[in-house]
Amino acid sequence: MHRLVFKDGEELTLQSRDGDYVGRLILHHRASYHVKLEDNEGFTNVDPIEYKLDATLDEVPTVAITYPGKNIDVVDKMELPLRLKIHDDFGFTSLNLAYRLVHSRYEQARADFSSISIPITVDIKKSTDAEVSFQWDVSPDGIGSGGRRGIPC
């Protein structure tokens, strides 16, 4: 049996999987541990190395709309160019834009938000700071001419 033994006495049993040993742990605070190995005859490793783990808080991601950067009316065009400056301390897996209709001459404002996925490149996924340009097609929701969308900040 193979285990991680923590300084506070807690133990995590590791499972054998394809020649590796795996376990799952949610770390809430700094901890130290060592690996305890045991063979079929019950012998364990002598004087194991002590390892340290540090928990790092995940900050809230930030997004700034740098273009257009203000309220604008979309009249004839059904595409709105957006430029976003994004930051996350651990990087990105996806980017979504949440919006809702707040004013229109043609239909009721909406209380609920909708969202669209904004494609991001592998380079952006590997970074913590990036600028993203996106052509937002506003026609699918019928909010083109005379409509105003709100984006939560």
N, C-alpha and C. Protein backbone atom coordinates (compact mmCIF):
# COMPACT_ATOMS: atom_id res chain seq x y z
N MET A 1 0.85 -1.17 0.00
CA MET A 1 0.00 0.00 0.00
C MET A 1 0.89 1.24 0.00
N HIS A 2 0.49 2.23 -0.79
CA HIS A 2 1.24 3.48 -0.88
C HIS A 2 0.33 4.61 -0.44
N ARG A 3 0.89 5.50 0.41
CA ARG A 3 0.08 6.60 0.97
C ARG A 3 0.90 7.87 1.04
N LEU A 4 0.18 8.99 1.02
CA LEU A 4 0.77 10.26 1.41
C LEU A 4 0.40 10.45 2.87
N VAL A 5 1.40 10.72 3.70
CA VAL A 5 1.17 10.92 5.12
C VAL A 5 1.48 12.38 5.43
N PHE A 6 0.46 13.10 5.91
CA PHE A 6 0.62 14.52 6.19
C PHE A 6 1.08 14.73 7.63
N LYS A 7 1.72 15.87 7.84
CA LYS A 7 2.28 16.18 9.15
C LYS A 7 1.22 16.18 10.26
N ASP A 8 -0.04 16.56 9.90
CA ASP A 8 -1.12 16.57 10.89
C ASP A 8 -1.71 15.18 11.15
N GLY A 9 -1.15 14.15 10.52
CA GLY A 9 -1.59 12.78 10.75
C GLY A 9 -2.56 12.26 9.70
N GLU A 10 -3.13 13.13 8.89
CA GLU A 10 -4.05 12.67 7.85
C GLU A 10 -3.29 11.86 6.80
N GLU A 11 -3.95 10.84 6.26
CA GLU A 11 -3.32 10.00 5.24
C GLU A 11 -4.21 9.93 4.01
N LEU A 12 -3.58 9.87 2.85
CA LEU A 12 -4.28 9.73 1.59
C LEU A 12 -3.74 8.48 0.90
N THR A 13 -4.59 7.48 0.76
CA THR A 13 -4.18 6.23 0.10
C THR A 13 -4.14 6.46 -1.41
N LEU A 14 -3.06 6.02 -2.04
CA LEU A 14 -2.88 6.18 -3.47
C LEU A 14 -3.31 4.89 -4.18
N GLN A 15 -3.97 5.05 -5.31
CA GLN A 15 -4.44 3.91 -6.10
C GLN A 15 -3.48 3.64 -7.24
N SER A 16 -3.25 2.36 -7.53
CA SER A 16 -2.39 1.99 -8.64
C SER A 16 -3.18 2.08 -9.93
N ARG A 17 -2.62 2.81 -10.91
CA ARG A 17 -3.29 2.97 -12.19
C ARG A 17 -2.25 2.99 -13.30
N ASP A 18 -2.20 1.93 -14.08
CA ASP A 18 -1.28 1.82 -15.23
C ASP A 18 0.17 2.09 -14.84
N GLY A 19 0.61 1.53 -13.74
CA GLY A 19 2.00 1.69 -13.31
C GLY A 19 2.29 2.95 -12.53
N ASP A 20 1.30 3.83 -12.38
CA ASP A 20 1.45 5.04 -11.58
C ASP A 20 0.58 4.92 -10.35
N TYR A 21 0.82 5.80 -9.39
CA TYR A 21 -0.02 5.87 -8.19
C TYR A 21 -0.68 7.23 -8.16
N VAL A 22 -1.99 7.25 -8.00
CA VAL A 22 -2.74 8.50 -8.07
C VAL A 22 -3.64 8.66 -6.86
N GLY A 23 -3.92 9.89 -6.53
CA GLY A 23 -4.85 10.22 -5.46
C GLY A 23 -5.39 11.61 -5.70
N ARG A 24 -6.44 11.96 -5.02
CA ARG A 24 -7.07 13.27 -5.21
C ARG A 24 -7.15 13.96 -3.86
N LEU A 25 -6.76 15.24 -3.85
CA LEU A 25 -6.71 16.01 -2.62
C LEU A 25 -7.11 17.45 -2.93
N ILE A 26 -7.95 18.02 -2.10
CA ILE A 26 -8.25 19.45 -2.20
C ILE A 26 -7.48 20.12 -1.08
N LEU A 27 -6.60 21.02 -1.46
CA LEU A 27 -5.70 21.68 -0.51
C LEU A 27 -6.28 23.03 -0.10
N HIS A 28 -6.53 23.21 1.18
CA HIS A 28 -7.09 24.47 1.68
C HIS A 28 -6.07 25.33 2.41
N HIS A 29 -4.95 24.75 2.78
CA HIS A 29 -3.93 25.48 3.53
C HIS A 29 -2.59 24.82 3.30
N ARG A 30 -1.56 25.47 3.75
CA ARG A 30 -0.20 24.94 3.62
C ARG A 30 -0.11 23.59 4.34
N ALA A 31 0.62 22.67 3.74
CA ALA A 31 0.75 21.34 4.35
C ALA A 31 2.11 20.75 3.99
N SER A 32 2.55 19.80 4.80
CA SER A 32 3.75 19.03 4.45
C SER A 32 3.39 17.56 4.55
N TYR A 33 4.07 16.76 3.73
CA TYR A 33 3.76 15.33 3.66
C TYR A 33 5.00 14.55 3.26
N HIS A 34 4.92 13.24 3.44
CA HIS A 34 5.91 12.35 2.87
C HIS A 34 5.18 11.15 2.27
N VAL A 35 5.87 10.45 1.39
CA VAL A 35 5.30 9.29 0.73
C VAL A 35 5.70 8.06 1.54
N LYS A 36 4.72 7.28 1.94
CA LYS A 36 4.98 6.05 2.68
C LYS A 36 4.75 4.88 1.73
N LEU A 37 5.81 4.15 1.47
CA LEU A 37 5.74 3.00 0.57
C LEU A 37 5.79 1.73 1.41
N GLU A 38 5.00 0.75 1.02
CA GLU A 38 4.97 -0.51 1.75
C GLU A 38 4.95 -1.65 0.73
N ASP A 39 5.88 -2.61 0.89
CA ASP A 39 5.91 -3.74 -0.05
C ASP A 39 4.97 -4.85 0.42
N ASN A 40 4.94 -5.94 -0.33
CA ASN A 40 4.04 -7.06 -0.04
C ASN A 40 4.32 -7.73 1.30
N GLU A 41 5.52 -7.57 1.82
CA GLU A 41 5.89 -8.18 3.10
C GLU A 41 5.71 -7.22 4.27
N GLY A 42 5.22 -6.01 4.01
CA GLY A 42 4.95 -5.06 5.07
C GLY A 42 6.11 -4.13 5.41
N PHE A 43 7.21 -4.22 4.65
CA PHE A 43 8.34 -3.32 4.91
C PHE A 43 8.03 -1.94 4.32
N THR A 44 8.41 -0.89 5.05
CA THR A 44 8.17 0.48 4.61
C THR A 44 9.48 1.20 4.37
N ASN A 45 9.41 2.30 3.63
CA ASN A 45 10.60 3.10 3.38
C ASN A 45 11.06 3.77 4.68
N VAL A 46 12.37 3.79 4.87
CA VAL A 46 12.97 4.36 6.07
C VAL A 46 13.36 5.81 5.77
N ASP A 47 13.07 6.72 6.72
CA ASP A 47 13.47 8.11 6.63
C ASP A 47 13.01 8.78 5.31
N PRO A 48 11.69 8.82 5.04
CA PRO A 48 11.20 9.41 3.79
C PRO A 48 11.42 10.92 3.74
N ILE A 49 11.52 11.44 2.55
CA ILE A 49 11.71 12.87 2.32
C ILE A 49 10.40 13.60 2.59
N GLU A 50 10.48 14.73 3.30
CA GLU A 50 9.29 15.54 3.59
C GLU A 50 9.14 16.60 2.50
N TYR A 51 7.94 16.72 1.93
CA TYR A 51 7.63 17.69 0.89
C TYR A 51 6.65 18.72 1.43
N LYS A 52 6.66 19.92 0.84
CA LYS A 52 5.76 20.99 1.28
C LYS A 52 4.83 21.40 0.13
N LEU A 53 3.58 21.70 0.50
CA LEU A 53 2.59 22.21 -0.45
C LEU A 53 2.09 23.56 0.04
N ASP A 54 1.94 24.51 -0.87
CA ASP A 54 1.37 25.81 -0.54
C ASP A 54 0.07 25.99 -1.32
N ALA A 55 -0.96 26.44 -0.66
CA ALA A 55 -2.23 26.75 -1.32
C ALA A 55 -2.19 28.21 -1.77
N THR A 56 -2.55 28.46 -3.02
CA THR A 56 -2.60 29.80 -3.57
C THR A 56 -4.04 30.13 -3.90
N LEU A 57 -4.55 31.24 -3.39
CA LEU A 57 -5.91 31.65 -3.68
C LEU A 57 -6.05 32.02 -5.15
N ASP A 58 -7.17 31.67 -5.73
CA ASP A 58 -7.47 32.02 -7.12
C ASP A 58 -8.19 33.36 -7.12
N GLU A 59 -7.58 34.36 -7.75
CA GLU A 59 -8.19 35.69 -7.83
C GLU A 59 -9.32 35.70 -8.85
N VAL A 60 -10.21 36.66 -8.72
CA VAL A 60 -11.30 36.84 -9.66
C VAL A 60 -10.72 37.36 -10.98
N PRO A 61 -11.11 36.76 -12.12
CA PRO A 61 -10.61 37.28 -13.40
C PRO A 61 -11.16 38.69 -13.67
N THR A 62 -10.44 39.46 -14.48
CA THR A 62 -10.91 40.80 -14.85
C THR A 62 -11.00 40.91 -16.37
N VAL A 63 -11.98 41.69 -16.82
CA VAL A 63 -12.18 41.96 -18.24
C VAL A 63 -12.48 43.44 -18.40
N ALA A 64 -11.80 44.07 -19.34
CA ALA A 64 -12.09 45.46 -19.68
C ALA A 64 -12.44 45.51 -21.17
N ILE A 65 -13.54 46.17 -21.50
CA ILE A 65 -13.91 46.36 -22.90
C ILE A 65 -13.20 47.62 -23.37
N THR A 66 -12.14 47.44 -24.16
CA THR A 66 -11.34 48.59 -24.60
C THR A 66 -11.87 49.20 -25.89
N TYR A 67 -12.66 48.42 -26.65
CA TYR A 67 -13.34 48.96 -27.83
C TYR A 67 -14.68 48.26 -27.96
N PRO A 68 -15.78 48.96 -28.08
CA PRO A 68 -15.89 50.40 -28.23
C PRO A 68 -15.67 51.15 -26.91
N GLY A 69 -15.81 50.49 -25.77
CA GLY A 69 -15.51 51.13 -24.49
C GLY A 69 -16.57 52.12 -24.02
N LYS A 70 -17.70 52.19 -24.71
CA LYS A 70 -18.79 53.09 -24.33
C LYS A 70 -20.06 52.55 -24.95
N ASN A 71 -21.20 53.09 -24.54
CA ASN A 71 -22.47 52.70 -25.15
C ASN A 71 -22.54 53.22 -26.57
N ILE A 72 -22.91 52.35 -27.48
CA ILE A 72 -23.10 52.78 -28.87
C ILE A 72 -24.38 52.14 -29.40
N ASP A 73 -24.98 52.78 -30.39
CA ASP A 73 -26.15 52.23 -31.03
C ASP A 73 -25.71 51.46 -32.27
N VAL A 74 -26.22 50.26 -32.40
CA VAL A 74 -25.96 49.45 -33.58
C VAL A 74 -27.17 49.62 -34.48
N VAL A 75 -26.99 50.32 -35.58
CA VAL A 75 -28.13 50.65 -36.41
C VAL A 75 -28.22 49.69 -37.59
N ASP A 76 -27.44 49.91 -38.62
CA ASP A 76 -27.54 49.07 -39.81
C ASP A 76 -26.64 47.85 -39.74
N LYS A 77 -25.52 48.02 -39.10
CA LYS A 77 -24.60 46.89 -38.99
C LYS A 77 -25.14 45.89 -37.98
N MET A 78 -24.98 44.64 -38.28
CA MET A 78 -25.39 43.60 -37.35
C MET A 78 -24.19 42.96 -36.68
N GLU A 79 -23.01 43.52 -36.90
CA GLU A 79 -21.82 43.05 -36.22
C GLU A 79 -21.20 44.20 -35.45
N LEU A 80 -20.80 43.89 -34.25
CA LEU A 80 -20.20 44.89 -33.38
C LEU A 80 -18.78 44.44 -33.05
N PRO A 81 -17.76 45.19 -33.50
CA PRO A 81 -16.40 44.79 -33.16
C PRO A 81 -16.12 45.06 -31.68
N LEU A 82 -15.57 44.08 -31.00
CA LEU A 82 -15.19 44.22 -29.59
C LEU A 82 -13.70 43.95 -29.43
N ARG A 83 -13.09 44.68 -28.52
CA ARG A 83 -11.72 44.41 -28.13
C ARG A 83 -11.72 44.35 -26.61
N LEU A 84 -11.22 43.24 -26.08
CA LEU A 84 -11.24 43.00 -24.65
C LEU A 84 -9.82 42.84 -24.13
N LYS A 85 -9.59 43.37 -22.94
CA LYS A 85 -8.33 43.14 -22.24
C LYS A 85 -8.69 42.23 -21.06
N ILE A 86 -8.09 41.02 -21.02
CA ILE A 86 -8.46 40.03 -20.01
C ILE A 86 -7.26 39.65 -19.15
N HIS A 87 -7.55 39.33 -17.88
CA HIS A 87 -6.49 38.92 -16.94
C HIS A 87 -7.04 37.85 -16.01
N ASP A 88 -6.25 36.81 -15.79
CA ASP A 88 -6.54 35.80 -14.78
C ASP A 88 -5.23 35.23 -14.27
N ASP A 89 -5.09 35.13 -12.96
CA ASP A 89 -3.83 34.70 -12.38
C ASP A 89 -3.45 33.26 -12.73
N PHE A 90 -4.41 32.41 -13.11
CA PHE A 90 -4.11 31.03 -13.48
C PHE A 90 -4.26 30.76 -14.97
N GLY A 91 -4.67 31.75 -15.75
CA GLY A 91 -4.85 31.56 -17.18
C GLY A 91 -6.31 31.27 -17.53
N PHE A 92 -6.55 30.94 -18.79
CA PHE A 92 -7.90 30.84 -19.31
C PHE A 92 -8.18 29.48 -19.90
N THR A 93 -9.41 29.01 -19.70
CA THR A 93 -9.88 27.81 -20.39
C THR A 93 -10.97 28.18 -21.39
N SER A 94 -11.71 29.24 -21.09
CA SER A 94 -12.77 29.69 -22.00
C SER A 94 -13.07 31.15 -21.72
N LEU A 95 -13.80 31.77 -22.64
CA LEU A 95 -14.20 33.17 -22.49
C LEU A 95 -15.63 33.29 -22.98
N ASN A 96 -16.52 33.76 -22.11
CA ASN A 96 -17.93 33.91 -22.46
C ASN A 96 -18.37 35.34 -22.22
N LEU A 97 -19.25 35.82 -23.08
CA LEU A 97 -19.81 37.16 -22.96
C LEU A 97 -21.27 37.03 -22.54
N ALA A 98 -21.62 37.58 -21.39
CA ALA A 98 -23.01 37.58 -20.91
C ALA A 98 -23.63 38.93 -21.26
N TYR A 99 -24.85 38.91 -21.73
CA TYR A 99 -25.52 40.15 -22.15
C TYR A 99 -27.03 39.97 -22.02
N ARG A 100 -27.75 41.10 -22.11
CA ARG A 100 -29.21 41.06 -22.15
C ARG A 100 -29.72 42.31 -22.86
N LEU A 101 -30.93 42.22 -23.37
CA LEU A 101 -31.58 43.35 -24.02
C LEU A 101 -32.10 44.27 -22.92
N VAL A 102 -31.63 45.52 -22.92
CA VAL A 102 -32.08 46.47 -21.89
C VAL A 102 -33.05 47.51 -22.46
N HIS A 103 -33.05 47.70 -23.80
CA HIS A 103 -33.96 48.68 -24.40
C HIS A 103 -34.13 48.35 -25.88
N SER A 104 -35.37 48.42 -26.35
CA SER A 104 -35.63 48.21 -27.78
C SER A 104 -36.96 48.86 -28.13
N ARG A 105 -37.04 49.36 -29.36
CA ARG A 105 -38.30 49.89 -29.86
C ARG A 105 -39.23 48.76 -30.29
N TYR A 106 -38.70 47.57 -30.46
CA TYR A 106 -39.45 46.49 -31.08
C TYR A 106 -39.86 45.36 -30.14
N GLU A 107 -39.26 45.27 -28.98
CA GLU A 107 -39.62 44.19 -28.06
C GLU A 107 -39.31 44.57 -26.63
N GLN A 108 -39.82 43.77 -25.70
CA GLN A 108 -39.62 44.01 -24.27
C GLN A 108 -38.16 43.80 -23.88
N ALA A 109 -37.72 44.58 -22.91
CA ALA A 109 -36.39 44.35 -22.32
C ALA A 109 -36.40 42.98 -21.65
N ARG A 110 -35.23 42.38 -21.52
CA ARG A 110 -35.13 41.04 -20.94
C ARG A 110 -34.49 41.11 -19.56
N ALA A 111 -35.05 40.35 -18.64
CA ALA A 111 -34.49 40.29 -17.29
C ALA A 111 -33.33 39.31 -17.23
N ASP A 112 -33.41 38.24 -18.02
CA ASP A 112 -32.40 37.19 -17.99
C ASP A 112 -31.27 37.49 -18.95
N PHE A 113 -30.09 37.03 -18.58
CA PHE A 113 -28.91 37.18 -19.43
C PHE A 113 -28.79 36.00 -20.38
N SER A 114 -28.26 36.26 -21.55
CA SER A 114 -27.85 35.23 -22.50
C SER A 114 -26.34 35.28 -22.55
N SER A 115 -25.73 34.28 -23.17
CA SER A 115 -24.27 34.34 -23.29
C SER A 115 -23.82 33.70 -24.60
N ILE A 116 -22.66 34.14 -25.05
CA ILE A 116 -22.03 33.56 -26.23
C ILE A 116 -20.59 33.24 -25.87
N SER A 117 -20.07 32.23 -26.51
CA SER A 117 -18.67 31.84 -26.30
C SER A 117 -17.80 32.62 -27.28
N ILE A 118 -16.73 33.19 -26.78
CA ILE A 118 -15.77 33.90 -27.62
C ILE A 118 -14.56 32.99 -27.79
N PRO A 119 -14.24 32.62 -29.03
CA PRO A 119 -13.11 31.71 -29.24
C PRO A 119 -11.79 32.35 -28.80
N ILE A 120 -10.96 31.55 -28.15
CA ILE A 120 -9.62 32.01 -27.76
C ILE A 120 -8.58 31.02 -28.26
N THR A 121 -7.41 31.54 -28.58
CA THR A 121 -6.34 30.71 -29.14
C THR A 121 -5.59 29.98 -28.04
N VAL A 122 -4.79 29.02 -28.44
CA VAL A 122 -3.95 28.27 -27.50
C VAL A 122 -3.00 29.22 -26.78
N ASP A 123 -2.46 30.22 -27.50
CA ASP A 123 -1.55 31.19 -26.88
C ASP A 123 -2.25 31.95 -25.76
N ILE A 124 -3.50 32.33 -25.98
CA ILE A 124 -4.25 33.04 -24.93
C ILE A 124 -4.49 32.12 -23.74
N LYS A 125 -4.79 30.85 -24.00
CA LYS A 125 -5.03 29.90 -22.92
C LYS A 125 -3.78 29.70 -22.06
N LYS A 126 -2.61 29.90 -22.64
CA LYS A 126 -1.36 29.73 -21.91
C LYS A 126 -0.93 30.99 -21.16
N SER A 127 -1.60 32.12 -21.42
CA SER A 127 -1.17 33.38 -20.81
C SER A 127 -2.08 33.78 -19.66
N THR A 128 -1.63 34.75 -18.89
CA THR A 128 -2.46 35.29 -17.81
C THR A 128 -3.01 36.67 -18.17
N ASP A 129 -2.44 37.32 -19.17
CA ASP A 129 -2.91 38.62 -19.67
C ASP A 129 -2.99 38.54 -21.19
N ALA A 130 -4.09 39.05 -21.74
CA ALA A 130 -4.22 38.99 -23.20
C ALA A 130 -5.20 40.06 -23.68
N GLU A 131 -5.12 40.36 -24.98
CA GLU A 131 -6.11 41.19 -25.65
C GLU A 131 -6.80 40.32 -26.68
N VAL A 132 -8.12 40.41 -26.72
CA VAL A 132 -8.93 39.58 -27.61
C VAL A 132 -9.80 40.49 -28.46
N SER A 133 -9.79 40.26 -29.77
CA SER A 133 -10.69 40.97 -30.68
C SER A 133 -11.75 39.98 -31.14
N PHE A 134 -12.98 40.48 -31.27
CA PHE A 134 -14.09 39.60 -31.60
C PHE A 134 -15.16 40.39 -32.35
N GLN A 135 -15.69 39.81 -33.43
CA GLN A 135 -16.80 40.39 -34.17
C GLN A 135 -18.07 39.77 -33.62
N TRP A 136 -18.86 40.55 -32.90
CA TRP A 136 -20.07 40.07 -32.25
C TRP A 136 -21.24 40.25 -33.19
N ASP A 137 -21.80 39.15 -33.67
CA ASP A 137 -22.96 39.18 -34.55
C ASP A 137 -24.20 39.35 -33.68
N VAL A 138 -24.78 40.55 -33.69
CA VAL A 138 -25.93 40.84 -32.82
C VAL A 138 -27.26 40.50 -33.48
N SER A 139 -27.25 40.02 -34.71
CA SER A 139 -28.51 39.75 -35.40
C SER A 139 -29.26 38.51 -34.90
N PRO A 140 -28.64 37.45 -34.40
CA PRO A 140 -29.41 36.27 -34.03
C PRO A 140 -30.49 36.53 -32.99
N ASP A 141 -30.32 37.52 -32.12
CA ASP A 141 -31.31 37.79 -31.08
C ASP A 141 -32.32 38.84 -31.48
N GLY A 142 -32.21 39.35 -32.68
CA GLY A 142 -33.14 40.39 -33.10
C GLY A 142 -32.91 41.71 -32.37
N ILE A 143 -31.69 41.94 -31.94
CA ILE A 143 -31.39 43.15 -31.19
C ILE A 143 -30.56 44.09 -32.04
N GLY A 144 -30.58 43.91 -33.32
CA GLY A 144 -29.77 44.76 -34.20
C GLY A 144 -30.27 46.18 -34.18
N SER A 145 -31.10 46.54 -35.10
CA SER A 145 -31.56 47.91 -35.25
C SER A 145 -32.47 48.32 -34.11
N GLY A 146 -32.10 49.40 -33.43
CA GLY A 146 -32.94 49.96 -32.38
C GLY A 146 -32.84 49.28 -31.02
N GLY A 147 -31.99 48.29 -30.88
CA GLY A 147 -31.87 47.59 -29.60
C GLY A 147 -30.62 47.99 -28.86
N ARG A 148 -30.64 47.82 -27.58
CA ARG A 148 -29.48 48.13 -26.76
C ARG A 148 -29.22 46.95 -25.85
N ARG A 149 -27.98 46.47 -25.85
CA ARG A 149 -27.60 45.36 -25.00
C ARG A 149 -26.84 45.86 -23.80
N GLY A 150 -27.02 45.17 -22.71
CA GLY A 150 -26.28 45.49 -21.50
C GLY A 150 -25.34 44.37 -21.16
N ILE A 151 -24.13 44.72 -20.80
CA ILE A 151 -23.13 43.74 -20.40
C ILE A 151 -22.82 44.01 -18.94
N PRO A 152 -22.95 42.99 -18.06
CA PRO A 152 -22.69 43.23 -16.64
C PRO A 152 -21.22 43.55 -16.41
N CYS A 153 -20.95 44.49 -15.56
CA CYS A 153 -19.57 44.86 -15.24
C CYS A 153 -19.27 44.53 -13.81
